[in-house]
Amino acid sequence: MTAMTLRSRITARIGRSYLSRIQKHGIGSSTVRLLPDDLLMMLRRSGLDPVDKLARTRAKQPVHKVSLPFGMDAWVITGYQESKAVLGSADGFSTDFAHLATNAGVAAEQSPGGLGFSDPPVHTRLRRILTPEFTMRRLRRLAPRIDAIVAERLAAMEAAPGPVDLVKEFALPIPSLTICELLGVPYEDRADFQQLAMDRFDLFASTTAPFGAMSESMEYFRGVVREQRRNPGDGLLGMIVRDHGDDIGDDELAGLADGVLTGGFETTASTIALGSLVLLRDPDVRERIRTDDAAAAPFVEEALRYLSAVQIAFPRFARRDIEIGGVVIPEGDMVLCSLSGANRDAAYITDDGRFDLDRVPATGHLAFGHGIHRCVGAELARMELRVAYPALVRRFPAMRLAVPQQSLAFRKLSIVYGIEELPVQLR
């Protein structure tokens, strides 16, 4: 054994021990201070915009290495083309949960399964099972239900006295109800759904709290899957059970359901809330959305790019020494792509910090990722957003913030960016 190999094993062991202590006691400000600012900058915002340092870093070094505590390294990717190259290279980079478990000292059995933490051929087989349920033909059956959910929320808001919190009363219920409808699980479990989905994106309580939330969510969905085996319903889980039977195991099916919840709930809710803030602060854009049906689709695409609610992609691990943006990333190293940074890159799109409803091109952004791990529910999210925004401003054309904009509280150090509350006067 070489001295370098021995040193690597020792530092990895110390790192796992350190992370184990965090798992027990949580992460505080002192621990955050140990993390390099070049890593934390990807999780920070200034209102709706990435912090200035991210743009400066992207211009100077779109691919660069950061040193983590106890000798662990990661590569930060902030450029559009560089991020696209990483996300699009399934043979060059792995998302297998085993890599994350090894590097973060997390038990392998805490893996959520599903598409996000698997590689081909497992990923290929699971995506082939799931993709037919997300074709536009299948999704059209949800369109009337999405319309009804939005209408129900608007009616409830109109009946409420005083200011209304758009996060609680509008942004959260729409994707939560839609996913319950999609999966075929009871909506009375919505509170647990919301908490489990949000916990995994909170980096303040504990670095391993997301893994605990994954375990709880998986346990819940295992129960749902067992029930669907006995009595298949009309939702996604029931359809997969009928079409594939024992070709997909209970854990695999629970993992797919958990992935749908994770990928489709908090991300869409945050985008609805943040996009509503865009409408509140820009009367001209709000009026176009209210009066022009054709404006909804480009507004949604610009909102997805501009807001980039999912700030970083799933961690990747280099399968071999591989060159990205003129820099060689060694085999086994972790790579983190900044989606918010890539979507503001001048190499992809001219961006002066403005929200531009007429921006060209309107698509090509990385808000849903890229490559084999691109969000399978992208079209469902678009359906919800295209209904929610116009319906909101048409029902409440005089809607305005109920508090000064500077007093709004945004999420800190979170993989999925969001706003805590968005109180508005509707009339």
Protein backbone atom coordinates (compact mmCIF):
# COMPACT_ATOMS: atom_id res chain seq x y z
CA MET A 1 0.00 0.00 0.00
CA THR A 2 1.43 3.37 -0.99
CA ALA A 3 1.72 6.26 1.46
CA MET A 4 -0.80 8.22 -0.61
CA THR A 5 -3.36 5.38 -0.53
CA LEU A 6 -2.92 4.99 3.22
CA ARG A 7 -3.32 8.73 3.75
CA SER A 8 -6.49 8.75 1.63
CA ARG A 9 -8.00 5.92 3.65
CA ILE A 10 -7.17 7.62 6.95
CA THR A 11 -8.67 10.97 5.89
CA ALA A 12 -11.76 9.23 4.53
CA ARG A 13 -12.18 7.37 7.85
CA ILE A 14 -11.81 10.61 9.81
CA GLY A 15 -14.30 12.30 7.49
CA ARG A 16 -16.88 9.54 7.95
CA SER A 17 -16.43 9.74 11.72
CA TYR A 18 -16.94 13.50 11.58
CA LEU A 19 -20.08 13.16 9.47
CA SER A 20 -21.37 10.50 11.86
CA ARG A 21 -21.11 13.04 14.70
CA ILE A 22 -23.04 15.55 12.61
CA GLN A 23 -25.73 12.93 12.05
CA LYS A 24 -26.22 12.67 15.81
CA HIS A 25 -25.87 16.32 16.79
CA GLY A 26 -26.89 18.25 13.68
CA ILE A 27 -25.09 20.95 11.73
CA GLY A 28 -24.64 24.40 13.14
CA SER A 29 -23.06 27.65 12.03
CA SER A 30 -19.64 26.45 13.19
CA THR A 31 -19.86 23.47 10.84
CA VAL A 32 -21.07 25.63 7.96
CA ARG A 33 -17.97 27.77 8.44
CA LEU A 34 -15.81 24.71 7.73
CA LEU A 35 -17.28 24.36 4.26
CA PRO A 36 -15.61 26.35 1.46
CA ASP A 37 -17.45 29.43 0.29
CA ASP A 38 -17.05 28.25 -3.32
CA LEU A 39 -19.33 25.35 -2.38
CA LEU A 40 -21.83 27.35 -0.34
CA MET A 41 -22.18 30.02 -3.03
CA MET A 42 -24.17 27.55 -5.16
CA LEU A 43 -26.78 27.32 -2.40
CA ARG A 44 -27.06 31.03 -1.65
CA ARG A 45 -29.14 33.72 -3.34
CA SER A 46 -29.67 37.43 -3.21
CA GLY A 47 -33.45 37.54 -3.51
CA LEU A 48 -34.25 35.79 -6.78
CA ASP A 49 -30.71 36.10 -8.14
CA PRO A 50 -27.61 33.95 -7.58
CA VAL A 51 -24.97 35.69 -5.47
CA ASP A 52 -22.52 37.86 -7.43
CA LYS A 53 -19.60 35.57 -6.58
CA LEU A 54 -21.10 32.76 -8.64
CA ALA A 55 -21.00 34.86 -11.83
CA ARG A 56 -17.43 35.99 -11.10
CA THR A 57 -16.35 32.40 -10.50
CA ARG A 58 -18.06 31.21 -13.67
CA ALA A 59 -16.30 33.87 -15.74
CA LYS A 60 -12.89 32.99 -14.29
CA GLN A 61 -13.08 29.24 -13.58
CA PRO A 62 -16.26 27.48 -14.71
CA VAL A 63 -14.67 24.19 -13.56
CA HIS A 64 -12.67 24.26 -10.35
CA LYS A 65 -11.82 22.09 -7.37
CA VAL A 66 -12.79 22.86 -3.79
CA SER A 67 -11.33 21.14 -0.74
CA LEU A 68 -13.80 19.78 1.78
CA PRO A 69 -13.01 19.06 5.44
CA PHE A 70 -10.67 16.13 6.18
CA GLY A 71 -9.12 15.85 2.77
CA MET A 72 -12.23 15.25 0.67
CA ASP A 73 -12.45 17.11 -2.64
CA ALA A 74 -15.23 18.11 -4.98
CA TRP A 75 -15.42 19.85 -8.34
CA VAL A 76 -17.75 22.81 -8.76
CA ILE A 77 -19.16 23.33 -12.27
CA THR A 78 -20.79 26.73 -12.89
CA GLY A 79 -20.76 27.08 -16.71
CA TYR A 80 -23.59 26.08 -19.03
CA GLN A 81 -21.65 24.03 -21.58
CA GLU A 82 -19.54 22.42 -18.87
CA SER A 83 -22.61 21.47 -16.80
CA LYS A 84 -24.35 20.12 -19.89
CA ALA A 85 -21.29 18.00 -20.67
CA VAL A 86 -21.30 16.48 -17.18
CA LEU A 87 -25.06 15.91 -17.01
CA GLY A 88 -25.12 14.42 -20.49
CA SER A 89 -22.30 11.92 -19.92
CA ALA A 90 -23.75 8.78 -18.35
CA ASP A 91 -20.67 6.78 -19.31
CA GLY A 92 -18.34 9.39 -17.79
CA PHE A 93 -20.18 10.05 -14.52
CA SER A 94 -22.13 7.92 -12.05
CA THR A 95 -25.01 8.90 -9.76
CA ASP A 96 -25.13 5.53 -7.99
CA PHE A 97 -26.07 6.05 -4.33
CA ALA A 98 -23.21 3.76 -3.28
CA HIS A 99 -20.73 6.53 -4.10
CA LEU A 100 -22.62 9.02 -1.94
CA ALA A 101 -22.94 6.52 0.90
CA THR A 102 -19.20 5.82 0.84
CA ASN A 103 -18.20 9.48 0.74
CA ALA A 104 -20.77 10.76 3.27
CA GLY A 105 -20.67 7.88 5.75
CA VAL A 106 -24.34 7.06 5.15
CA ALA A 107 -25.64 3.50 5.33
CA ALA A 108 -26.21 2.01 1.88
CA GLU A 109 -29.63 0.73 2.96
CA GLN A 110 -30.77 4.35 3.23
CA SER A 111 -30.72 4.58 -0.56
CA PRO A 112 -34.03 5.94 -1.89
CA GLY A 113 -33.63 3.93 -5.08
CA GLY A 114 -35.49 5.35 -8.04
CA LEU A 115 -33.98 7.06 -11.06
CA GLY A 116 -31.91 9.83 -9.48
CA PHE A 117 -29.49 7.58 -7.61
CA SER A 118 -29.07 4.77 -10.13
CA ASP A 119 -26.95 4.07 -13.20
CA PRO A 120 -27.63 2.02 -16.33
CA PRO A 121 -28.67 -0.74 -16.74
CA VAL A 122 -30.83 -0.39 -13.60
CA HIS A 123 -31.71 3.20 -14.50
CA THR A 124 -32.54 2.23 -18.10
CA ARG A 125 -34.97 -0.48 -17.02
CA LEU A 126 -36.71 1.67 -14.40
CA ARG A 127 -37.03 4.68 -16.71
CA ARG A 128 -38.49 2.48 -19.42
CA ILE A 129 -41.18 1.42 -16.93
CA LEU A 130 -41.91 4.96 -15.72
CA THR A 131 -41.68 7.02 -18.92
CA PRO A 132 -44.93 5.78 -20.56
CA GLU A 133 -46.85 7.12 -17.55
CA PHE A 134 -45.49 10.63 -18.28
CA THR A 135 -46.30 10.86 -21.97
CA MET A 136 -48.60 13.74 -22.90
CA ARG A 137 -51.32 11.23 -23.81
CA ARG A 138 -51.30 9.80 -20.27
CA LEU A 139 -50.87 13.19 -18.63
CA ARG A 140 -53.90 14.67 -20.41
CA ARG A 141 -56.12 12.66 -18.09
CA LEU A 142 -54.79 14.84 -15.25
CA ALA A 143 -55.55 18.15 -16.99
CA PRO A 144 -59.16 18.45 -15.74
CA ARG A 145 -58.03 17.57 -12.23
CA ILE A 146 -55.25 20.19 -12.29
CA ASP A 147 -57.78 22.81 -13.47
CA ALA A 148 -60.11 21.80 -10.63
CA ILE A 149 -57.33 21.86 -8.01
CA VAL A 150 -56.29 25.39 -9.03
CA ALA A 151 -59.91 26.58 -9.08
CA GLU A 152 -60.53 25.08 -5.62
CA ARG A 153 -57.48 26.84 -4.19
CA LEU A 154 -58.48 30.18 -5.72
CA ALA A 155 -62.00 29.87 -4.29
CA ALA A 156 -60.63 29.05 -0.86
CA MET A 157 -58.30 32.05 -1.01
CA GLU A 158 -61.11 34.38 -2.07
CA ALA A 159 -63.20 33.23 0.90
CA ALA A 160 -60.37 33.85 3.38
CA PRO A 161 -60.41 37.11 5.35
CA GLY A 162 -57.42 39.43 5.25
CA PRO A 163 -54.01 38.66 3.70
CA VAL A 164 -53.36 35.21 2.24
CA ASP A 165 -50.06 33.31 2.20
CA LEU A 166 -49.57 32.18 -1.40
CA VAL A 167 -47.02 29.55 -0.34
CA LYS A 168 -49.34 27.77 2.07
CA GLU A 169 -52.65 28.32 0.30
CA PHE A 170 -51.61 28.09 -3.36
CA ALA A 171 -48.07 26.94 -4.17
CA LEU A 172 -47.89 23.90 -1.86
CA PRO A 173 -51.36 22.38 -2.33
CA ILE A 174 -51.32 22.36 -6.15
CA PRO A 175 -48.41 19.94 -6.69
CA SER A 176 -49.25 17.99 -3.54
CA LEU A 177 -52.79 17.28 -4.71
CA THR A 178 -51.62 16.63 -8.26
CA ILE A 179 -49.07 14.04 -7.13
CA CYS A 180 -51.61 12.30 -4.92
CA GLU A 181 -53.88 12.11 -7.96
CA LEU A 182 -51.03 10.91 -10.19
CA LEU A 183 -49.77 8.19 -7.85
CA GLY A 184 -53.18 7.11 -6.64
CA VAL A 185 -52.49 7.60 -2.93
CA PRO A 186 -54.87 9.21 -0.41
CA TYR A 187 -54.67 12.97 -0.06
CA GLU A 188 -55.31 12.75 3.67
CA ASP A 189 -51.59 11.95 3.93
CA ARG A 190 -50.67 15.33 2.40
CA ALA A 191 -49.13 16.78 5.58
CA ASP A 192 -46.71 13.86 5.83
CA PHE A 193 -45.98 14.15 2.11
CA GLN A 194 -45.07 17.80 2.39
CA GLN A 195 -42.85 17.37 5.46
CA LEU A 196 -40.98 14.37 4.08
CA ALA A 197 -40.36 16.08 0.76
CA MET A 198 -39.13 19.33 2.30
CA ASP A 199 -36.93 17.77 5.01
CA ARG A 200 -34.54 16.25 2.52
CA PHE A 201 -33.69 19.66 1.07
CA ASP A 202 -32.94 21.33 4.43
CA LEU A 203 -29.20 21.52 4.98
CA PHE A 204 -29.45 23.38 8.30
CA ALA A 205 -31.01 20.79 10.62
CA SER A 206 -28.49 18.05 9.80
CA THR A 207 -26.40 17.05 6.83
CA THR A 208 -27.95 13.58 7.04
CA ALA A 209 -31.53 14.68 7.80
CA PRO A 210 -32.37 14.32 4.10
CA PHE A 211 -31.42 10.64 4.28
CA GLY A 212 -33.69 10.15 7.29
CA ALA A 213 -36.54 11.77 5.38
CA MET A 214 -35.86 9.45 2.44
CA SER A 215 -36.10 6.43 4.74
CA GLU A 216 -39.42 7.57 6.20
CA SER A 217 -40.81 8.30 2.76
CA MET A 218 -39.68 4.92 1.43
CA GLU A 219 -41.32 3.14 4.36
CA TYR A 220 -44.58 4.94 3.66
CA PHE A 221 -44.49 4.09 -0.04
CA ARG A 222 -43.70 0.43 0.68
CA GLY A 223 -47.06 0.31 2.46
CA VAL A 224 -48.78 2.01 -0.48
CA VAL A 225 -47.18 -0.44 -2.90
CA ARG A 226 -48.32 -3.43 -0.85
CA GLU A 227 -51.87 -2.10 -1.00
CA GLN A 228 -51.60 -1.51 -4.76
CA ARG A 229 -50.41 -5.10 -5.21
CA ARG A 230 -53.59 -6.30 -3.52
CA ASN A 231 -55.92 -3.84 -5.21
CA PRO A 232 -54.39 -1.90 -8.15
CA GLY A 233 -55.97 1.52 -8.60
CA ASP A 234 -56.14 3.88 -11.56
CA GLY A 235 -53.06 5.89 -10.57
CA LEU A 236 -49.47 5.51 -11.73
CA LEU A 237 -48.61 2.83 -9.17
CA GLY A 238 -51.66 0.75 -10.00
CA MET A 239 -50.93 1.01 -13.73
CA ILE A 240 -47.33 -0.14 -13.26
CA VAL A 241 -48.47 -3.06 -11.09
CA ARG A 242 -50.96 -4.14 -13.76
CA ASP A 243 -48.53 -3.67 -16.68
CA HIS A 244 -45.37 -5.09 -15.10
CA GLY A 245 -46.42 -7.22 -12.14
CA ASP A 246 -43.51 -8.93 -10.43
CA ASP A 247 -41.03 -7.63 -13.02
CA ILE A 248 -40.58 -4.66 -10.68
CA GLY A 249 -39.97 -5.26 -6.99
CA ASP A 250 -41.70 -3.47 -4.10
CA ASP A 251 -38.59 -1.49 -3.16
CA GLU A 252 -38.03 -0.44 -6.76
CA LEU A 253 -41.63 0.69 -7.15
CA ALA A 254 -41.54 2.52 -3.81
CA GLY A 255 -38.34 4.22 -4.97
CA LEU A 256 -40.00 5.37 -8.18
CA ALA A 257 -42.94 6.76 -6.19
CA ASP A 258 -40.57 8.53 -3.80
CA GLY A 259 -38.71 10.01 -6.77
CA VAL A 260 -41.95 11.34 -8.24
CA LEU A 261 -42.82 12.94 -4.91
CA THR A 262 -39.36 14.43 -4.46
CA GLY A 263 -38.97 15.64 -8.01
CA GLY A 264 -42.49 16.93 -8.47
CA PHE A 265 -43.60 18.43 -5.19
CA GLU A 266 -41.14 20.83 -3.60
CA THR A 267 -39.57 21.87 -6.90
CA THR A 268 -42.91 22.80 -8.48
CA ALA A 269 -44.21 24.43 -5.29
CA SER A 270 -41.10 26.62 -5.05
CA THR A 271 -41.35 27.60 -8.71
CA ILE A 272 -45.03 28.53 -8.32
CA ALA A 273 -44.25 30.70 -5.29
CA LEU A 274 -41.16 32.40 -6.74
CA GLY A 275 -42.88 32.93 -10.10
CA SER A 276 -45.79 34.55 -8.27
CA LEU A 277 -43.32 36.99 -6.75
CA VAL A 278 -42.11 37.85 -10.26
CA LEU A 279 -45.71 38.62 -11.22
CA LEU A 280 -46.21 40.73 -8.10
CA ARG A 281 -43.18 42.89 -8.71
CA ASP A 282 -43.67 43.37 -12.48
CA PRO A 283 -47.13 44.78 -13.37
CA ASP A 284 -46.45 44.76 -17.11
CA VAL A 285 -45.64 41.04 -17.14
CA ARG A 286 -48.61 40.35 -14.89
CA GLU A 287 -50.94 42.16 -17.29
CA ARG A 288 -49.66 40.20 -20.29
CA ILE A 289 -50.19 36.90 -18.49
CA ARG A 290 -53.68 38.02 -17.49
CA THR A 291 -54.80 39.10 -20.96
CA ASP A 292 -52.83 36.98 -23.43
CA ASP A 293 -53.22 33.19 -23.46
CA ALA A 294 -50.13 32.84 -25.65
CA ALA A 295 -47.93 34.47 -22.99
CA ALA A 296 -48.28 31.62 -20.47
CA ALA A 297 -45.90 29.14 -22.13
CA PRO A 298 -42.95 31.57 -22.64
CA PHE A 299 -43.50 32.94 -19.12
CA VAL A 300 -43.16 29.43 -17.70
CA GLU A 301 -39.94 28.72 -19.63
CA GLU A 302 -38.37 32.01 -18.57
CA ALA A 303 -39.47 31.41 -14.98
CA LEU A 304 -37.88 27.96 -15.00
CA ARG A 305 -34.60 29.37 -16.32
CA TYR A 306 -34.53 32.58 -14.32
CA LEU A 307 -35.60 31.08 -11.00
CA SER A 308 -33.78 27.71 -11.24
CA ALA A 309 -35.48 26.47 -8.08
CA VAL A 310 -33.31 23.34 -8.11
CA GLN A 311 -29.95 25.00 -7.51
CA ILE A 312 -27.60 22.04 -7.96
CA ALA A 313 -27.91 18.69 -9.72
CA PHE A 314 -27.56 15.30 -8.05
CA PRO A 315 -23.87 14.67 -7.21
CA ARG A 316 -21.92 12.88 -9.93
CA PHE A 317 -18.79 10.79 -9.50
CA ALA A 318 -16.21 10.48 -12.27
CA ARG A 319 -16.01 6.92 -13.61
CA ARG A 320 -12.56 7.60 -15.02
CA ASP A 321 -10.19 10.52 -15.52
CA ILE A 322 -12.28 12.79 -17.72
CA GLU A 323 -11.78 16.25 -19.21
CA ILE A 324 -14.48 18.87 -18.76
CA GLY A 325 -13.94 22.43 -19.93
CA GLY A 326 -10.21 21.83 -20.40
CA VAL A 327 -9.78 20.49 -16.86
CA VAL A 328 -9.13 16.82 -16.04
CA ILE A 329 -11.35 15.50 -13.24
CA PRO A 330 -9.75 12.43 -11.64
CA GLU A 331 -11.59 9.11 -11.39
CA GLY A 332 -13.74 8.86 -8.28
CA ASP A 333 -13.97 12.61 -7.59
CA MET A 334 -17.36 14.15 -6.83
CA VAL A 335 -18.80 16.76 -9.21
CA LEU A 336 -21.50 19.31 -8.36
CA CYS A 337 -23.17 21.27 -11.18
CA SER A 338 -24.71 24.66 -10.39
CA LEU A 339 -27.95 24.78 -12.38
CA SER A 340 -28.67 28.36 -11.31
CA GLY A 341 -25.19 29.34 -12.49
CA ALA A 342 -25.49 27.48 -15.80
CA ASN A 343 -28.87 29.03 -16.56
CA ARG A 344 -27.43 32.54 -16.18
CA ASP A 345 -24.29 31.86 -18.27
CA ALA A 346 -23.72 34.33 -21.13
CA ALA A 347 -22.30 31.41 -23.14
CA TYR A 348 -25.87 30.07 -23.21
CA ILE A 349 -28.00 33.18 -23.09
CA THR A 350 -27.52 36.93 -22.81
CA ASP A 351 -28.60 37.78 -19.30
CA ASP A 352 -28.57 41.17 -17.64
CA GLY A 353 -30.43 40.03 -14.55
CA ARG A 354 -33.84 40.90 -15.98
CA PHE A 355 -36.82 38.60 -16.32
CA ASP A 356 -37.54 38.80 -20.05
CA LEU A 357 -40.83 37.35 -21.26
CA ASP A 358 -39.69 37.71 -24.89
CA ARG A 359 -36.27 36.15 -24.39
CA VAL A 360 -34.89 34.02 -27.22
CA PRO A 361 -34.20 31.16 -26.96
CA ALA A 362 -36.89 30.37 -24.42
CA THR A 363 -35.84 26.75 -24.03
CA GLY A 364 -32.58 24.84 -23.68
CA HIS A 365 -32.27 25.69 -19.98
CA LEU A 366 -31.12 23.09 -17.45
CA ALA A 367 -33.90 23.64 -14.91
CA PHE A 368 -34.99 20.02 -15.42
CA GLY A 369 -31.44 18.73 -15.80
CA HIS A 370 -30.09 17.10 -18.94
CA GLY A 371 -29.29 13.67 -20.31
CA ILE A 372 -30.63 10.38 -18.99
CA HIS A 373 -31.41 11.94 -15.61
CA ARG A 374 -33.47 14.81 -17.01
CA CYS A 375 -36.64 15.10 -14.91
CA VAL A 376 -39.16 12.58 -16.19
CA GLY A 377 -42.00 14.76 -14.85
CA ALA A 378 -40.97 17.93 -16.70
CA GLU A 379 -44.14 18.07 -18.79
CA LEU A 380 -46.35 17.55 -15.74
CA ALA A 381 -44.64 20.48 -14.01
CA ARG A 382 -45.16 22.63 -17.10
CA MET A 383 -48.86 21.71 -17.14
CA GLU A 384 -49.28 22.84 -13.53
CA LEU A 385 -47.36 26.08 -14.02
CA ARG A 386 -49.20 27.02 -17.23
CA VAL A 387 -52.51 26.68 -15.42
CA ALA A 388 -51.54 28.20 -12.05
CA TYR A 389 -49.99 31.53 -13.10
CA PRO A 390 -52.71 32.82 -15.48
CA ALA A 391 -55.52 31.61 -13.21
CA LEU A 392 -54.03 33.45 -10.23
CA VAL A 393 -53.70 36.86 -11.90
CA ARG A 394 -57.05 36.61 -13.69
CA ARG A 395 -58.88 35.82 -10.47
CA PHE A 396 -57.04 38.52 -8.52
CA PRO A 397 -55.87 41.26 -10.95
CA ALA A 398 -55.33 43.75 -8.09
CA MET A 399 -53.26 41.33 -6.00
CA ARG A 400 -50.30 42.93 -4.23
CA LEU A 401 -47.75 42.15 -1.54
CA ALA A 402 -49.07 42.56 2.00
CA VAL A 403 -45.57 43.23 3.40
CA PRO A 404 -42.52 45.16 2.16
CA GLN A 405 -40.59 43.08 -0.36
CA GLN A 406 -37.38 43.42 1.65
CA SER A 407 -39.00 41.66 4.62
CA LEU A 408 -39.65 38.43 2.70
CA ALA A 409 -37.74 35.43 4.08
CA PHE A 410 -36.05 33.14 1.56
CA ARG A 411 -34.66 29.68 2.22
CA LYS A 412 -30.99 29.53 3.15
CA LEU A 413 -28.46 26.90 2.04
CA SER A 414 -31.04 24.69 0.40
CA ILE A 415 -30.72 22.50 -2.67
CA VAL A 416 -34.21 23.62 -3.70
CA TYR A 417 -34.50 27.37 -3.32
CA GLY A 418 -37.75 28.83 -2.08
CA ILE A 419 -39.55 31.45 -0.09
CA GLU A 420 -40.93 30.76 3.38
CA GLU A 421 -44.09 32.88 3.11
CA LEU A 422 -45.59 35.13 0.46
CA PRO A 423 -48.39 37.17 2.11
CA VAL A 424 -50.59 39.07 -0.34
CA GLN A 425 -53.67 41.26 -0.34
CA LEU A 426 -55.94 39.84 -3.00
CA ARG A 427 -58.11 42.92 -3.58
